[in-house]
Amino acid sequence: MYCRRATFLLCLLLAACAGEPTRAPVENRYGEAKTVAVPERYSVRRGDTLYSIAWRYGLDYRALAQLNGIDGLYTIYPGQQLRLRGKPSSASAPTVSSAPKTPPAATPTAPVTKASSPRVTTNSPVENDRVVDAWRWPTRGKVIRKFSGTVHKGIDIDGKAGDAVQATAAGTVVYAGSGIVGYGRLLIVKHNQNYLSAYAHNQRLLVKEGDRVTAGQKIAEKGSSATNSVKLHFEIRRDGKPVDPQKLLPKRD
């Protein structure tokens, strides 16, 4: 009787583990890492971009687009249901447009301060072919916390409120907002098909989504949004995966 009961409990435990969703690491305002479940589906909210959704859950934006049959314009709309896990089906092949046949006219995805048109992220041939020959430090200051993989997916650089935050390389702004928990006022810049960079905890953003930026251009001012001290949290991701920025940035004396 005891053996049968133990076997039954073991089966329940294994079943529960098998059904556990994929988890992605996130950080709170104190830089402490925790994991959150990656849901099967995500309902697009106002202010989202395909890039910000992929960033939030540690996904490659291209894989996310393919999974949902989204074309190279990467257009999404509030209320649209996106699959975050699974394999693309034949029905998920890219289409001419990822928008619903009759998109809601009153709720296009756009920055809160900019009304009207649906969110479209450009994907020009120049950007696709761009190679990052050299990376620049995004701000002055001391590195107060280093990269440590899934625990800390970037580096933290100290400084004073209002210090200049500069683009680490040329690219296009694909997200500007504060919709990703733990990052405060955040910018994400797409440099080419493989590389994205992110600049978090700013007190002010100086560029908007769709803007082209040059290497070294001032794009934000350092702050303490969604954190407990003034600092820039800086990340570089290749194909959706965090890489150590200090392995790409020039050496400092």
Protein backbone atom coordinates (compact mmCIF):
# COMPACT_ATOMS: atom_id res chain seq x y z
CA MET A 1 0.00 0.00 0.00
CA TYR A 2 2.82 2.39 0.96
CA CYS A 3 4.72 1.57 -2.27
CA ARG A 4 1.65 2.25 -4.41
CA ARG A 5 1.09 5.60 -2.69
CA ALA A 6 4.75 6.61 -3.07
CA THR A 7 4.67 5.67 -6.76
CA PHE A 8 1.51 7.73 -7.29
CA LEU A 9 3.05 10.81 -5.64
CA LEU A 10 6.21 10.43 -7.70
CA CYS A 11 4.17 10.34 -10.93
CA LEU A 12 2.36 13.53 -9.92
CA LEU A 13 5.66 15.27 -9.22
CA LEU A 14 7.14 14.23 -12.56
CA ALA A 15 4.03 15.38 -14.41
CA ALA A 16 4.18 18.76 -12.71
CA CYS A 17 7.84 19.21 -13.64
CA ALA A 18 7.22 18.22 -17.25
CA GLY A 19 4.52 20.86 -17.58
CA GLU A 20 6.54 23.70 -16.06
CA PRO A 21 6.92 26.59 -18.53
CA THR A 22 10.25 27.90 -19.74
CA ARG A 23 11.65 30.57 -17.45
CA ALA A 24 13.59 33.75 -18.22
CA PRO A 25 15.85 35.62 -15.77
CA VAL A 26 14.95 39.20 -14.81
CA GLU A 27 16.32 41.61 -12.21
CA ASN A 28 14.64 43.81 -9.64
CA ARG A 29 15.60 47.40 -8.78
CA TYR A 30 18.45 46.20 -6.56
CA GLY A 31 20.05 44.06 -9.26
CA GLU A 32 18.92 40.80 -7.66
CA ALA A 33 18.18 38.11 -10.22
CA LYS A 34 14.98 36.08 -10.31
CA THR A 35 13.21 34.06 -12.96
CA VAL A 36 9.80 34.52 -14.49
CA ALA A 37 7.80 32.07 -16.52
CA VAL A 38 7.80 32.53 -20.29
CA PRO A 39 4.12 32.09 -21.17
CA GLU A 40 2.84 30.20 -24.16
CA ARG A 41 1.20 33.36 -25.48
CA TYR A 42 1.52 37.10 -24.97
CA SER A 43 -1.10 39.76 -25.61
CA VAL A 44 0.49 42.82 -27.21
CA ARG A 45 0.06 46.01 -25.18
CA ARG A 46 0.25 49.63 -26.23
CA GLY A 47 3.91 50.68 -26.31
CA ASP A 48 5.25 47.19 -27.09
CA THR A 49 7.49 46.41 -30.03
CA LEU A 50 8.45 42.97 -31.24
CA TYR A 51 11.97 43.78 -30.04
CA SER A 52 10.90 44.74 -26.51
CA ILE A 53 8.81 41.58 -26.15
CA ALA A 54 11.72 39.44 -27.31
CA TRP A 55 14.06 41.33 -24.95
CA ARG A 56 11.75 40.86 -21.98
CA TYR A 57 11.73 37.08 -22.36
CA GLY A 58 15.27 36.54 -23.65
CA LEU A 59 14.22 35.58 -27.18
CA ASP A 60 15.62 36.32 -30.64
CA TYR A 61 13.26 38.79 -32.33
CA ARG A 62 13.69 37.01 -35.68
CA ALA A 63 12.69 33.65 -34.21
CA LEU A 64 9.69 35.31 -32.54
CA ALA A 65 8.66 36.85 -35.86
CA GLN A 66 8.99 33.51 -37.65
CA LEU A 67 7.02 31.72 -34.95
CA ASN A 68 4.13 34.13 -35.48
CA GLY A 69 4.29 34.57 -39.26
CA ILE A 70 5.34 38.23 -38.95
CA ASP A 71 7.06 39.76 -41.96
CA GLY A 72 10.23 41.85 -42.08
CA LEU A 73 8.47 45.08 -41.09
CA TYR A 74 7.84 43.54 -37.64
CA THR A 75 4.51 45.35 -37.27
CA ILE A 76 2.39 44.41 -34.25
CA TYR A 77 -0.87 45.76 -32.80
CA PRO A 78 -2.39 46.05 -29.31
CA GLY A 79 -4.45 42.98 -28.54
CA GLN A 80 -2.57 40.77 -31.00
CA GLN A 81 -1.83 37.33 -29.54
CA LEU A 82 1.78 36.21 -30.01
CA ARG A 83 3.13 32.71 -29.44
CA LEU A 84 6.32 32.79 -27.37
CA ARG A 85 7.10 29.08 -27.31
CA GLY A 86 6.87 26.18 -29.71
CA LYS A 87 7.89 25.54 -33.29
CA PRO A 88 6.68 27.42 -36.38
CA SER A 89 3.91 25.64 -38.21
CA SER A 90 3.12 25.86 -41.92
CA ALA A 91 0.50 28.44 -40.97
CA SER A 92 3.21 30.56 -39.36
CA ALA A 93 5.07 31.31 -42.58
CA PRO A 94 5.77 35.03 -43.05
CA THR A 95 2.92 36.88 -44.68
CA VAL A 96 2.73 40.10 -46.67
CA SER A 97 1.59 41.88 -43.54
CA SER A 98 1.43 40.76 -39.92
CA ALA A 99 -1.44 43.13 -39.18
CA PRO A 100 -5.01 41.94 -38.70
CA LYS A 101 -7.20 42.35 -41.81
CA THR A 102 -8.98 45.20 -40.09
CA PRO A 103 -6.63 46.61 -37.43
CA PRO A 104 -8.25 48.62 -34.64
CA ALA A 105 -8.08 52.23 -35.83
CA ALA A 106 -8.14 53.78 -32.37
CA THR A 107 -5.44 51.66 -30.76
CA PRO A 108 -2.33 51.49 -32.99
CA THR A 109 0.90 50.62 -31.27
CA ALA A 110 2.84 53.87 -30.93
CA PRO A 111 4.73 55.73 -28.21
CA VAL A 112 2.30 57.13 -25.66
CA THR A 113 3.36 60.68 -26.51
CA LYS A 114 2.94 60.09 -30.26
CA ALA A 115 -0.53 59.16 -31.40
CA SER A 116 -2.05 57.60 -34.49
CA SER A 117 0.03 55.39 -36.81
CA PRO A 118 0.68 51.67 -36.20
CA ARG A 119 4.13 50.77 -34.92
CA VAL A 120 6.46 49.76 -37.73
CA THR A 121 10.15 49.14 -37.22
CA THR A 122 12.20 49.73 -40.33
CA ASN A 123 14.48 46.98 -41.54
CA SER A 124 16.50 48.60 -44.32
CA PRO A 125 19.11 46.81 -46.47
CA VAL A 126 21.77 49.22 -45.15
CA GLU A 127 21.03 48.20 -41.58
CA ASN A 128 20.87 44.51 -42.47
CA ASP A 129 24.32 44.62 -44.06
CA ARG A 130 25.94 46.88 -41.46
CA VAL A 131 28.98 45.44 -39.69
CA VAL A 132 30.01 46.78 -36.29
CA ASP A 133 33.69 47.51 -36.82
CA ALA A 134 34.20 49.06 -33.40
CA TRP A 135 32.15 49.47 -30.25
CA ARG A 136 32.28 52.64 -28.11
CA TRP A 137 31.77 52.97 -24.39
CA PRO A 138 28.24 54.27 -23.87
CA THR A 139 29.15 56.63 -21.02
CA ARG A 140 31.93 57.74 -18.71
CA GLY A 141 32.22 56.17 -15.30
CA LYS A 142 33.47 53.16 -13.41
CA VAL A 143 32.10 49.67 -13.99
CA ILE A 144 30.53 48.89 -10.62
CA ARG A 145 29.03 45.56 -11.59
CA LYS A 146 30.28 43.15 -14.24
CA PHE A 147 28.55 40.74 -16.58
CA SER A 148 27.76 37.32 -15.14
CA GLY A 149 25.61 35.51 -17.68
CA THR A 150 22.02 34.87 -16.66
CA VAL A 151 22.55 36.45 -13.22
CA HIS A 152 23.54 39.90 -14.53
CA LYS A 153 23.10 40.21 -18.29
CA GLY A 154 25.12 43.41 -18.76
CA ILE A 155 27.36 45.85 -16.92
CA ASP A 156 26.54 48.76 -14.60
CA ILE A 157 28.44 52.03 -14.98
CA ASP A 158 28.25 54.68 -12.26
CA GLY A 159 28.09 58.46 -12.67
CA LYS A 160 25.99 61.51 -11.97
CA ALA A 161 22.38 62.20 -12.93
CA GLY A 162 22.34 63.88 -16.31
CA ASP A 163 25.61 62.40 -17.58
CA ALA A 164 25.55 61.76 -21.33
CA VAL A 165 24.59 58.28 -22.56
CA GLN A 166 25.87 57.65 -26.09
CA ALA A 167 25.14 55.05 -28.75
CA THR A 168 27.77 52.34 -28.65
CA ALA A 169 27.56 51.96 -32.46
CA ALA A 170 25.41 53.19 -35.33
CA GLY A 171 21.93 51.75 -35.59
CA THR A 172 18.18 52.26 -35.34
CA VAL A 173 16.18 52.79 -32.15
CA VAL A 174 13.71 49.90 -31.93
CA TYR A 175 12.37 50.58 -28.42
CA ALA A 176 12.09 53.69 -26.27
CA GLY A 177 9.99 53.45 -23.12
CA SER A 178 9.58 52.09 -19.63
CA GLY A 179 7.45 49.02 -20.24
CA ILE A 180 10.02 46.37 -19.30
CA VAL A 181 10.13 45.71 -15.56
CA GLY A 182 13.49 46.39 -13.91
CA TYR A 183 14.95 48.57 -16.69
CA GLY A 184 13.32 51.94 -16.03
CA ARG A 185 13.49 54.33 -18.98
CA LEU A 186 15.06 52.10 -21.59
CA LEU A 187 16.43 52.41 -25.11
CA ILE A 188 17.14 49.43 -27.38
CA VAL A 189 19.19 50.03 -30.52
CA LYS A 190 19.43 47.58 -33.40
CA HIS A 191 22.87 47.64 -35.04
CA ASN A 192 22.37 44.87 -37.59
CA GLN A 193 20.53 41.56 -37.91
CA ASN A 194 22.57 40.04 -35.10
CA TYR A 195 23.35 42.73 -32.54
CA LEU A 196 21.16 44.84 -30.26
CA SER A 197 22.28 47.09 -27.41
CA ALA A 198 20.28 48.43 -24.46
CA TYR A 199 20.64 51.45 -22.17
CA ALA A 200 18.62 51.32 -18.95
CA HIS A 201 17.72 53.48 -15.91
CA ASN A 202 17.89 56.77 -17.82
CA GLN A 203 16.32 59.93 -16.44
CA ARG A 204 15.59 61.25 -19.95
CA LEU A 205 15.43 59.72 -23.42
CA LEU A 206 16.58 61.96 -26.26
CA VAL A 207 15.63 59.76 -29.24
CA LYS A 208 12.47 57.94 -30.27
CA GLU A 209 11.64 54.67 -31.98
CA GLY A 210 12.59 54.64 -35.64
CA ASP A 211 15.39 57.22 -35.23
CA ARG A 212 18.73 56.41 -36.84
CA VAL A 213 21.64 57.09 -34.50
CA THR A 214 25.37 57.38 -35.12
CA ALA A 215 28.16 55.94 -33.02
CA GLY A 216 28.88 58.29 -30.12
CA GLN A 217 25.61 60.24 -30.51
CA LYS A 218 24.04 61.37 -27.22
CA ILE A 219 20.81 59.41 -26.94
CA ALA A 220 19.86 59.72 -23.25
CA GLU A 221 20.80 61.13 -19.87
CA LYS A 222 21.91 58.88 -17.06
CA GLY A 223 19.51 58.48 -14.14
CA SER A 224 18.11 56.12 -11.53
CA SER A 225 14.74 55.08 -12.97
CA ALA A 226 13.65 51.66 -11.63
CA THR A 227 16.81 51.33 -9.53
CA ASN A 228 18.22 52.53 -6.20
CA SER A 229 21.19 54.61 -7.48
CA VAL A 230 22.34 56.59 -10.51
CA LYS A 231 23.91 54.25 -13.04
CA LEU A 232 23.69 53.05 -16.61
CA HIS A 233 22.84 49.39 -17.06
CA PHE A 234 24.24 48.48 -20.47
CA GLU A 235 23.69 45.27 -22.42
CA ILE A 236 24.67 43.84 -25.79
CA ARG A 237 22.81 40.83 -27.16
CA ARG A 238 23.76 38.69 -30.13
CA ASP A 239 20.92 36.69 -31.67
CA GLY A 240 18.88 37.32 -28.53
CA LYS A 241 21.56 36.06 -26.12
CA PRO A 242 23.45 38.36 -23.70
CA VAL A 243 27.19 38.73 -24.31
CA ASP A 244 29.80 40.35 -22.07
CA PRO A 245 30.04 43.99 -23.28
CA GLN A 246 33.57 44.32 -21.91
CA LYS A 247 34.77 41.70 -24.38
CA LEU A 248 33.62 43.95 -27.24
CA LEU A 249 34.33 47.42 -25.85
CA PRO A 250 37.82 48.95 -26.16
CA LYS A 251 40.14 48.52 -23.18
CA ARG A 252 40.29 51.40 -20.72
CA ASP A 253 43.50 52.61 -19.10
